[in-house]
């Protein structure tokens, strides 16, 4: 009996020691990656500008005060364009994302090929930033609101479809089985068994993504895709700092209102 206890104690100590070594090994890998990344960043950084950054930031901040309130009259249309880009882009995304989500979900997809294609669409959309989509579309369609709207739509497809298809896979199966017991067809099971369970998710995802798209649409003008970002880019290029501060205040107010509206709508729907 004492021999057994000694053997068990040694085995426990050996296991604990091995786990500690594994833990330290992964910590060492993580620290090495961070050190290597910092070295690469440090080699490509002009530290003179970094040291001088606080004084430059203070100088720019002093030039931005007070905001040019008279410039506000020229920002109403760009703000309206920004809201249209976000809204229409979200509608485009939801029209595409809903069928893609049903094709990606394991319990609703017809076959593995369709699911693979749907997942590829989701990953492709989420992998490319909206600014990159906008930059590509500006070259194809020309500068303007259309390029920004499509860019927001393409960027949002993957985000919306991923959340929706995960919700589809988590539905209550008993409701679908009850409808199957009545002899319902495939489309009937989809309409009466699955869709009612995921409609709140679809609505919530649409509102949430619209809120995100408001913020993303404010910067698409930096690459010529319309919206208030176009005015921001022009003011930055001409060093009109009082106009820049006015634009930033308008963007802040717009995002604040969109947050409030989306919260109210989500609360009413869900």
C-alpha atoms as a PDB file:
ATOM      1  CA  UNK A   1       0.000   0.000   0.000  1.00  0.00           C
ATOM      2  CA  UNK A   2       2.724   2.568   0.812  1.00  0.00           C
ATOM      3  CA  UNK A   3       4.456   1.616  -2.423  1.00  0.00           C
ATOM      4  CA  UNK A   4       1.231   2.332  -4.345  1.00  0.00           C
ATOM      5  CA  UNK A   5       0.869   5.749  -2.718  1.00  0.00           C
ATOM      6  CA  UNK A   6       4.471   6.641  -3.528  1.00  0.00           C
ATOM      7  CA  UNK A   7       4.034   5.556  -7.132  1.00  0.00           C
ATOM      8  CA  UNK A   8       0.803   7.546  -7.493  1.00  0.00           C
ATOM      9  CA  UNK A   9       2.450  10.615  -5.965  1.00  0.00           C
ATOM     10  CA  UNK A  10       5.414  10.373  -8.312  1.00  0.00           C
ATOM     11  CA  UNK A  11       3.062   9.957 -11.296  1.00  0.00           C
ATOM     12  CA  UNK A  12       1.080  13.045 -10.256  1.00  0.00           C
ATOM     13  CA  UNK A  13       4.268  15.084  -9.827  1.00  0.00           C
ATOM     14  CA  UNK A  14       5.548  13.904 -13.198  1.00  0.00           C
ATOM     15  CA  UNK A  15       2.276  14.861 -14.905  1.00  0.00           C
ATOM     16  CA  UNK A  16       2.226  18.277 -13.205  1.00  0.00           C
ATOM     17  CA  UNK A  17       5.833  18.915 -14.185  1.00  0.00           C
ATOM     18  CA  UNK A  18       5.123  17.975 -17.810  1.00  0.00           C
ATOM     19  CA  UNK A  19       2.091  20.297 -17.953  1.00  0.00           C
ATOM     20  CA  UNK A  20       4.204  23.112 -16.548  1.00  0.00           C
ATOM     21  CA  UNK A  21       6.878  22.556 -19.184  1.00  0.00           C
ATOM     22  CA  UNK A  22       4.257  22.557 -21.953  1.00  0.00           C
ATOM     23  CA  UNK A  23       2.751  25.745 -20.566  1.00  0.00           C
ATOM     24  CA  UNK A  24       6.168  27.434 -20.415  1.00  0.00           C
ATOM     25  CA  UNK A  25       6.931  26.239 -23.941  1.00  0.00           C
ATOM     26  CA  UNK A  26       3.820  27.955 -25.352  1.00  0.00           C
ATOM     27  CA  UNK A  27       4.580  31.079 -23.348  1.00  0.00           C
ATOM     28  CA  UNK A  28       8.062  31.099 -24.868  1.00  0.00           C
ATOM     29  CA  UNK A  29       6.626  30.772 -28.390  1.00  0.00           C
ATOM     30  CA  UNK A  30       4.199  33.620 -27.759  1.00  0.00           C
ATOM     31  CA  UNK A  31       6.903  35.919 -26.372  1.00  0.00           C
ATOM     32  CA  UNK A  32       9.190  35.067 -29.292  1.00  0.00           C
ATOM     33  CA  UNK A  33       6.476  35.965 -31.810  1.00  0.00           C
ATOM     34  CA  UNK A  34       5.805  39.274 -30.043  1.00  0.00           C
ATOM     35  CA  UNK A  35       9.523  40.094 -29.881  1.00  0.00           C
ATOM     36  CA  UNK A  36      10.003  39.280 -33.565  1.00  0.00           C
ATOM     37  CA  UNK A  37       6.970  41.371 -34.561  1.00  0.00           C
ATOM     38  CA  UNK A  38       8.197  44.306 -32.464  1.00  0.00           C
ATOM     39  CA  UNK A  39      11.643  44.064 -34.070  1.00  0.00           C
ATOM     40  CA  UNK A  40      10.109  44.164 -37.572  1.00  0.00           C
ATOM     41  CA  UNK A  41       7.945  47.169 -36.655  1.00  0.00           C
ATOM     42  CA  UNK A  42      10.857  48.943 -34.978  1.00  0.00           C
ATOM     43  CA  UNK A  43      13.110  48.542 -38.013  1.00  0.00           C
ATOM     44  CA  UNK A  44      10.497  50.135 -40.311  1.00  0.00           C
ATOM     45  CA  UNK A  45       9.549  53.005 -37.980  1.00  0.00           C
ATOM     46  CA  UNK A  46      11.056  56.488 -38.194  1.00  0.00           C
ATOM     47  CA  UNK A  47      11.358  57.173 -34.474  1.00  0.00           C
ATOM     48  CA  UNK A  48      12.101  60.868 -35.006  1.00  0.00           C
ATOM     49  CA  UNK A  49       8.500  61.353 -36.120  1.00  0.00           C
ATOM     50  CA  UNK A  50       7.218  59.262 -33.214  1.00  0.00           C
ATOM     51  CA  UNK A  51       9.080  61.439 -30.690  1.00  0.00           C
ATOM     52  CA  UNK A  52       7.775  64.584 -32.385  1.00  0.00           C
ATOM     53  CA  UNK A  53       4.191  63.227 -32.565  1.00  0.00           C
ATOM     54  CA  UNK A  54       2.834  64.827 -29.327  1.00  0.00           C
ATOM     55  CA  UNK A  55       3.818  68.340 -30.414  1.00  0.00           C
ATOM     56  CA  UNK A  56       2.405  67.753 -33.902  1.00  0.00           C
ATOM     57  CA  UNK A  57      -0.860  66.430 -32.485  1.00  0.00           C
ATOM     58  CA  UNK A  58      -1.139  69.441 -30.167  1.00  0.00           C
ATOM     59  CA  UNK A  59      -0.496  71.803 -33.077  1.00  0.00           C
ATOM     60  CA  UNK A  60      -3.180  70.152 -35.256  1.00  0.00           C
ATOM     61  CA  UNK A  61      -5.642  70.137 -32.366  1.00  0.00           C
ATOM     62  CA  UNK A  62      -5.120  73.879 -31.858  1.00  0.00           C
ATOM     63  CA  UNK A  63      -5.775  74.473 -35.573  1.00  0.00           C
ATOM     64  CA  UNK A  64      -9.064  72.515 -35.388  1.00  0.00           C
ATOM     65  CA  UNK A  65     -10.556  74.845 -32.770  1.00  0.00           C
ATOM     66  CA  UNK A  66     -13.098  76.335 -33.163  1.00  0.00           C
ATOM     67  CA  UNK A  67     -14.947  74.195 -35.731  1.00  0.00           C
ATOM     68  CA  UNK A  68     -16.152  75.981 -38.852  1.00  0.00           C
ATOM     69  CA  UNK A  69     -19.881  76.035 -38.114  1.00  0.00           C
ATOM     70  CA  UNK A  70     -20.710  77.719 -41.422  1.00  0.00           C
ATOM     71  CA  UNK A  71     -19.431  74.623 -43.218  1.00  0.00           C
ATOM     72  CA  UNK A  72     -22.280  72.597 -41.703  1.00  0.00           C
ATOM     73  CA  UNK A  73     -24.662  73.600 -44.498  1.00  0.00           C
ATOM     74  CA  UNK A  74     -22.454  71.804 -47.023  1.00  0.00           C
ATOM     75  CA  UNK A  75     -22.515  68.542 -45.065  1.00  0.00           C
ATOM     76  CA  UNK A  76     -26.229  67.700 -45.074  1.00  0.00           C
ATOM     77  CA  UNK A  77     -26.161  66.076 -48.527  1.00  0.00           C
ATOM     78  CA  UNK A  78     -22.969  64.049 -47.845  1.00  0.00           C
ATOM     79  CA  UNK A  79     -24.524  62.814 -44.576  1.00  0.00           C
ATOM     80  CA  UNK A  80     -27.674  61.830 -46.461  1.00  0.00           C
ATOM     81  CA  UNK A  81     -25.523  60.000 -49.032  1.00  0.00           C
ATOM     82  CA  UNK A  82     -23.767  58.183 -46.196  1.00  0.00           C
ATOM     83  CA  UNK A  83     -27.082  57.038 -44.723  1.00  0.00           C
ATOM     84  CA  UNK A  84     -28.268  55.874 -48.146  1.00  0.00           C
ATOM     85  CA  UNK A  85     -25.047  53.938 -48.734  1.00  0.00           C
ATOM     86  CA  UNK A  86     -25.405  52.163 -45.380  1.00  0.00           C
ATOM     87  CA  UNK A  87     -29.114  51.445 -45.774  1.00  0.00           C
ATOM     88  CA  UNK A  88     -29.083  50.220 -49.378  1.00  0.00           C
ATOM     89  CA  UNK A  89     -25.856  48.292 -48.777  1.00  0.00           C
ATOM     90  CA  UNK A  90     -27.500  46.505 -45.848  1.00  0.00           C
ATOM     91  CA  UNK A  91     -30.562  45.656 -47.956  1.00  0.00           C
ATOM     92  CA  UNK A  92     -28.335  44.233 -50.709  1.00  0.00           C
ATOM     93  CA  UNK A  93     -26.405  42.210 -48.133  1.00  0.00           C
ATOM     94  CA  UNK A  94     -29.525  40.729 -46.523  1.00  0.00           C
ATOM     95  CA  UNK A  95     -31.044  39.758 -49.882  1.00  0.00           C
ATOM     96  CA  UNK A  96     -27.879  37.806 -50.683  1.00  0.00           C
ATOM     97  CA  UNK A  97     -27.037  36.628 -47.159  1.00  0.00           C
ATOM     98  CA  UNK A  98     -30.363  34.937 -46.352  1.00  0.00           C
ATOM     99  CA  UNK A  99     -30.237  32.281 -49.116  1.00  0.00           C
ATOM    100  CA  UNK A 100     -26.485  31.870 -48.637  1.00  0.00           C
ATOM    101  CA  UNK A 101     -27.069  31.211 -44.925  1.00  0.00           C
ATOM    102  CA  UNK A 102     -29.695  28.527 -45.622  1.00  0.00           C
ATOM    103  CA  UNK A 103     -27.299  26.954 -48.114  1.00  0.00           C
ATOM    104  CA  UNK A 104     -24.469  26.992 -45.558  1.00  0.00           C
ATOM    105  CA  UNK A 105     -26.407  25.496 -42.638  1.00  0.00           C
ATOM    106  CA  UNK A 106     -25.978  21.733 -42.242  1.00  0.00           C
ATOM    107  CA  UNK A 107     -29.663  21.087 -41.543  1.00  0.00           C
ATOM    108  CA  UNK A 108     -30.988  23.005 -44.585  1.00  0.00           C
ATOM    109  CA  UNK A 109     -28.373  22.633 -47.319  1.00  0.00           C
ATOM    110  CA  UNK A 110     -29.202  20.202 -50.147  1.00  0.00           C
ATOM    111  CA  UNK A 111     -25.670  18.762 -50.499  1.00  0.00           C
ATOM    112  CA  UNK A 112     -22.047  19.237 -49.508  1.00  0.00           C
ATOM    113  CA  UNK A 113     -21.128  21.015 -52.751  1.00  0.00           C
ATOM    114  CA  UNK A 114     -23.735  23.737 -52.189  1.00  0.00           C
ATOM    115  CA  UNK A 115     -22.619  24.140 -48.561  1.00  0.00           C
ATOM    116  CA  UNK A 116     -18.968  24.424 -49.579  1.00  0.00           C
ATOM    117  CA  UNK A 117     -19.825  27.095 -52.142  1.00  0.00           C
ATOM    118  CA  UNK A 118     -21.900  29.024 -49.584  1.00  0.00           C
ATOM    119  CA  UNK A 119     -19.117  28.893 -46.991  1.00  0.00           C
ATOM    120  CA  UNK A 120     -16.644  30.077 -49.625  1.00  0.00           C
ATOM    121  CA  UNK A 121     -18.869  33.102 -50.331  1.00  0.00           C
ATOM    122  CA  UNK A 122     -19.076  33.874 -46.611  1.00  0.00           C
ATOM    123  CA  UNK A 123     -15.322  33.630 -46.074  1.00  0.00           C
ATOM    124  CA  UNK A 124     -14.532  35.643 -49.219  1.00  0.00           C
ATOM    125  CA  UNK A 125     -16.854  38.455 -48.181  1.00  0.00           C
ATOM    126  CA  UNK A 126     -15.547  38.645 -44.630  1.00  0.00           C
ATOM    127  CA  UNK A 127     -11.908  38.490 -45.685  1.00  0.00           C
ATOM    128  CA  UNK A 128     -11.957  41.728 -47.704  1.00  0.00           C
ATOM    129  CA  UNK A 129     -12.402  45.059 -45.936  1.00  0.00           C
ATOM    130  CA  UNK A 130     -15.049  47.479 -47.172  1.00  0.00           C
ATOM    131  CA  UNK A 131     -12.378  50.033 -48.125  1.00  0.00           C
ATOM    132  CA  UNK A 132     -10.716  47.477 -50.395  1.00  0.00           C
ATOM    133  CA  UNK A 133     -14.068  46.580 -51.961  1.00  0.00           C
ATOM    134  CA  UNK A 134     -14.725  50.286 -52.484  1.00  0.00           C
ATOM    135  CA  UNK A 135     -11.290  50.856 -54.012  1.00  0.00           C
ATOM    136  CA  UNK A 136     -11.808  48.022 -56.494  1.00  0.00           C
ATOM    137  CA  UNK A 137     -15.349  49.131 -57.367  1.00  0.00           C
ATOM    138  CA  UNK A 138     -14.283  52.754 -57.865  1.00  0.00           C
ATOM    139  CA  UNK A 139     -11.929  51.545 -60.599  1.00  0.00           C
ATOM    140  CA  UNK A 140     -14.710  49.440 -62.149  1.00  0.00           C
ATOM    141  CA  UNK A 141     -17.775  51.681 -61.719  1.00  0.00           C
ATOM    142  CA  UNK A 142     -16.135  55.048 -61.264  1.00  0.00           C
ATOM    143  CA  UNK A 143     -16.231  57.236 -58.150  1.00  0.00           C
ATOM    144  CA  UNK A 144     -19.540  57.871 -56.461  1.00  0.00           C
ATOM    145  CA  UNK A 145     -22.252  56.539 -54.207  1.00  0.00           C
ATOM    146  CA  UNK A 146     -22.941  53.411 -56.303  1.00  0.00           C
ATOM    147  CA  UNK A 147     -19.463  52.022 -55.722  1.00  0.00           C
ATOM    148  CA  UNK A 148     -19.784  52.674 -51.989  1.00  0.00           C
ATOM    149  CA  UNK A 149     -23.210  51.047 -51.764  1.00  0.00           C
ATOM    150  CA  UNK A 150     -22.104  47.859 -53.501  1.00  0.00           C
ATOM    151  CA  UNK A 151     -18.901  47.775 -51.433  1.00  0.00           C
ATOM    152  CA  UNK A 152     -20.893  47.914 -48.194  1.00  0.00           C
ATOM    153  CA  UNK A 153     -23.233  45.211 -49.507  1.00  0.00           C
ATOM    154  CA  UNK A 154     -20.429  42.845 -50.503  1.00  0.00           C
ATOM    155  CA  UNK A 155     -18.631  43.358 -47.223  1.00  0.00           C
ATOM    156  CA  UNK A 156     -21.779  42.721 -45.181  1.00  0.00           C
ATOM    157  CA  UNK A 157     -22.839  39.476 -46.893  1.00  0.00           C
ATOM    158  CA  UNK A 158     -20.370  37.276 -45.047  1.00  0.00           C
ATOM    159  CA  UNK A 159     -21.041  38.849 -41.650  1.00  0.00           C
ATOM    160  CA  UNK A 160     -24.833  38.520 -41.930  1.00  0.00           C
ATOM    161  CA  UNK A 161     -24.809  35.063 -43.506  1.00  0.00           C
ATOM    162  CA  UNK A 162     -22.489  33.640 -40.845  1.00  0.00           C
ATOM    163  CA  UNK A 163     -24.677  34.785 -37.958  1.00  0.00           C
ATOM    164  CA  UNK A 164     -27.858  33.623 -39.671  1.00  0.00           C
ATOM    165  CA  UNK A 165     -26.608  30.166 -40.644  1.00  0.00           C
ATOM    166  CA  UNK A 166     -25.315  29.576 -37.116  1.00  0.00           C
ATOM    167  CA  UNK A 167     -28.796  30.460 -35.842  1.00  0.00           C
ATOM    168  CA  UNK A 168     -30.370  28.047 -38.350  1.00  0.00           C
ATOM    169  CA  UNK A 169     -28.181  25.210 -37.108  1.00  0.00           C
ATOM    170  CA  UNK A 170     -29.264  25.889 -33.512  1.00  0.00           C
ATOM    171  CA  UNK A 171     -33.046  25.789 -34.085  1.00  0.00           C
ATOM    172  CA  UNK A 172     -35.370  23.598 -32.020  1.00  0.00           C
ATOM    173  CA  UNK A 173     -35.602  20.387 -34.031  1.00  0.00           C
ATOM    174  CA  UNK A 174     -38.815  19.245 -32.320  1.00  0.00           C
ATOM    175  CA  UNK A 175     -40.859  21.927 -34.082  1.00  0.00           C
ATOM    176  CA  UNK A 176     -39.625  20.729 -37.459  1.00  0.00           C
ATOM    177  CA  UNK A 177     -40.335  17.100 -36.531  1.00  0.00           C
ATOM    178  CA  UNK A 178     -43.882  18.038 -35.523  1.00  0.00           C
ATOM    179  CA  UNK A 179     -44.474  19.581 -38.947  1.00  0.00           C
ATOM    180  CA  UNK A 180     -42.883  16.556 -40.632  1.00  0.00           C
ATOM    181  CA  UNK A 181     -45.369  14.324 -38.781  1.00  0.00           C
ATOM    182  CA  UNK A 182     -48.231  16.077 -40.572  1.00  0.00           C
ATOM    183  CA  UNK A 183     -46.776  15.054 -43.942  1.00  0.00           C
ATOM    184  CA  UNK A 184     -45.472  18.520 -44.811  1.00  0.00           C
ATOM    185  CA  UNK A 185     -43.224  18.946 -47.838  1.00  0.00           C
ATOM    186  CA  UNK A 186     -39.695  20.356 -47.758  1.00  0.00           C
ATOM    187  CA  UNK A 187     -40.718  23.963 -48.549  1.00  0.00           C
ATOM    188  CA  UNK A 188     -43.486  23.772 -45.954  1.00  0.00           C
ATOM    189  CA  UNK A 189     -41.033  22.609 -43.290  1.00  0.00           C
ATOM    190  CA  UNK A 190     -38.777  25.499 -44.242  1.00  0.00           C
ATOM    191  CA  UNK A 191     -41.572  28.102 -44.125  1.00  0.00           C
ATOM    192  CA  UNK A 192     -43.458  26.905 -41.047  1.00  0.00           C
ATOM    193  CA  UNK A 193     -40.800  25.072 -39.052  1.00  0.00           C
ATOM    194  CA  UNK A 194     -37.457  26.825 -39.566  1.00  0.00           C
ATOM    195  CA  UNK A 195     -38.137  30.344 -40.798  1.00  0.00           C
ATOM    196  CA  UNK A 196     -40.283  31.455 -37.813  1.00  0.00           C
ATOM    197  CA  UNK A 197     -37.474  30.436 -35.454  1.00  0.00           C
ATOM    198  CA  UNK A 198     -34.779  32.441 -37.273  1.00  0.00           C
ATOM    199  CA  UNK A 199     -36.784  35.527 -38.253  1.00  0.00           C
ATOM    200  CA  UNK A 200     -35.886  37.377 -35.012  1.00  0.00           C
ATOM    201  CA  UNK A 201     -32.216  36.637 -35.697  1.00  0.00           C
ATOM    202  CA  UNK A 202     -32.494  37.848 -39.289  1.00  0.00           C
ATOM    203  CA  UNK A 203     -34.118  41.093 -38.144  1.00  0.00           C
ATOM    204  CA  UNK A 204     -31.593  41.604 -35.362  1.00  0.00           C
ATOM    205  CA  UNK A 205     -28.634  40.933 -37.651  1.00  0.00           C
ATOM    206  CA  UNK A 206     -29.975  43.381 -40.250  1.00  0.00           C
ATOM    207  CA  UNK A 207     -30.336  46.187 -37.701  1.00  0.00           C
ATOM    208  CA  UNK A 208     -26.969  45.433 -36.112  1.00  0.00           C
ATOM    209  CA  UNK A 209     -25.213  45.383 -39.476  1.00  0.00           C
ATOM    210  CA  UNK A 210     -26.918  48.624 -40.542  1.00  0.00           C
ATOM    211  CA  UNK A 211     -25.497  50.243 -37.420  1.00  0.00           C
ATOM    212  CA  UNK A 212     -22.012  49.001 -38.329  1.00  0.00           C
ATOM    213  CA  UNK A 213     -22.422  50.103 -41.949  1.00  0.00           C
ATOM    214  CA  UNK A 214     -23.205  53.666 -40.863  1.00  0.00           C
ATOM    215  CA  UNK A 215     -19.734  53.874 -39.358  1.00  0.00           C
ATOM    216  CA  UNK A 216     -18.033  52.141 -42.271  1.00  0.00           C
ATOM    217  CA  UNK A 217     -19.791  54.369 -44.818  1.00  0.00           C
ATOM    218  CA  UNK A 218     -18.324  57.504 -43.266  1.00  0.00           C
ATOM    219  CA  UNK A 219     -14.823  56.618 -44.482  1.00  0.00           C
ATOM    220  CA  UNK A 220     -15.541  55.229 -47.960  1.00  0.00           C
ATOM    221  CA  UNK A 221     -15.155  58.717 -49.411  1.00  0.00           C
ATOM    222  CA  UNK A 222     -11.436  58.505 -48.676  1.00  0.00           C
ATOM    223  CA  UNK A 223     -11.154  56.291 -51.775  1.00  0.00           C
ATOM    224  CA  UNK A 224     -13.779  58.167 -53.794  1.00  0.00           C
ATOM    225  CA  UNK A 225     -16.823  56.027 -52.956  1.00  0.00           C
ATOM    226  CA  UNK A 226     -19.073  58.905 -51.896  1.00  0.00           C
ATOM    227  CA  UNK A 227     -20.491  59.975 -48.557  1.00  0.00           C
ATOM    228  CA  UNK A 228     -19.171  62.391 -45.987  1.00  0.00           C
ATOM    229  CA  UNK A 229     -15.722  60.815 -46.219  1.00  0.00           C
ATOM    230  CA  UNK A 230     -15.294  62.615 -49.533  1.00  0.00           C
ATOM    231  CA  UNK A 231     -15.546  65.973 -47.755  1.00  0.00           C
ATOM    232  CA  UNK A 232     -13.220  64.716 -45.030  1.00  0.00           C
ATOM    233  CA  UNK A 233     -10.621  63.685 -47.592  1.00  0.00           C
ATOM    234  CA  UNK A 234     -10.850  67.037 -49.378  1.00  0.00           C
ATOM    235  CA  UNK A 235     -10.507  68.986 -46.135  1.00  0.00           C
ATOM    236  CA  UNK A 236      -7.500  66.921 -45.072  1.00  0.00           C
ATOM    237  CA  UNK A 237      -5.798  67.432 -48.436  1.00  0.00           C
ATOM    238  CA  UNK A 238      -6.247  71.221 -48.195  1.00  0.00           C
ATOM    239  CA  UNK A 239      -5.269  71.309 -44.486  1.00  0.00           C
ATOM    240  CA  UNK A 240      -8.621  72.911 -43.628  1.00  0.00           C
ATOM    241  CA  UNK A 241      -8.517  71.768 -40.016  1.00  0.00           C
ATOM    242  CA  UNK A 242     -11.560  73.732 -38.851  1.00  0.00           C
ATOM    243  CA  UNK A 243     -13.593  71.941 -41.532  1.00  0.00           C
ATOM    244  CA  UNK A 244     -12.104  68.627 -40.435  1.00  0.00           C
ATOM    245  CA  UNK A 245     -13.231  69.192 -36.848  1.00  0.00           C
ATOM    246  CA  UNK A 246     -16.720  70.113 -38.075  1.00  0.00           C
ATOM    247  CA  UNK A 247     -16.904  66.925 -40.171  1.00  0.00           C
ATOM    248  CA  UNK A 248     -15.726  64.801 -37.236  1.00  0.00           C
ATOM    249  CA  UNK A 249     -18.428  66.289 -35.023  1.00  0.00           C
ATOM    250  CA  UNK A 250     -21.075  65.521 -37.649  1.00  0.00           C
ATOM    251  CA  UNK A 251     -19.798  61.942 -37.986  1.00  0.00           C
ATOM    252  CA  UNK A 252     -19.873  61.532 -34.195  1.00  0.00           C
ATOM    253  CA  UNK A 253     -23.432  62.844 -34.031  1.00  0.00           C
ATOM    254  CA  UNK A 254     -24.544  60.612 -36.922  1.00  0.00           C
ATOM    255  CA  UNK A 255     -23.053  57.490 -35.335  1.00  0.00           C
ATOM    256  CA  UNK A 256     -24.621  58.375 -31.979  1.00  0.00           C
ATOM    257  CA  UNK A 257     -28.071  58.728 -33.572  1.00  0.00           C
ATOM    258  CA  UNK A 258     -27.663  55.458 -35.494  1.00  0.00           C
ATOM    259  CA  UNK A 259     -26.702  53.667 -32.263  1.00  0.00           C
ATOM    260  CA  UNK A 260     -29.812  55.016 -30.551  1.00  0.00           C
ATOM    261  CA  UNK A 261     -32.114  54.123 -33.467  1.00  0.00           C
ATOM    262  CA  UNK A 262     -30.710  50.598 -33.838  1.00  0.00           C
ATOM    263  CA  UNK A 263     -31.038  49.955 -30.097  1.00  0.00           C
ATOM    264  CA  UNK A 264     -34.681  51.087 -30.114  1.00  0.00           C
ATOM    265  CA  UNK A 265     -35.534  49.022 -33.216  1.00  0.00           C
ATOM    266  CA  UNK A 266     -33.789  45.900 -31.882  1.00  0.00           C
ATOM    267  CA  UNK A 267     -35.643  46.280 -28.603  1.00  0.00           C
ATOM    268  CA  UNK A 268     -38.958  46.530 -30.448  1.00  0.00           C
ATOM    269  CA  UNK A 269     -38.296  43.565 -32.758  1.00  0.00           C
ATOM    270  CA  UNK A 270     -36.529  41.068 -30.522  1.00  0.00           C
END
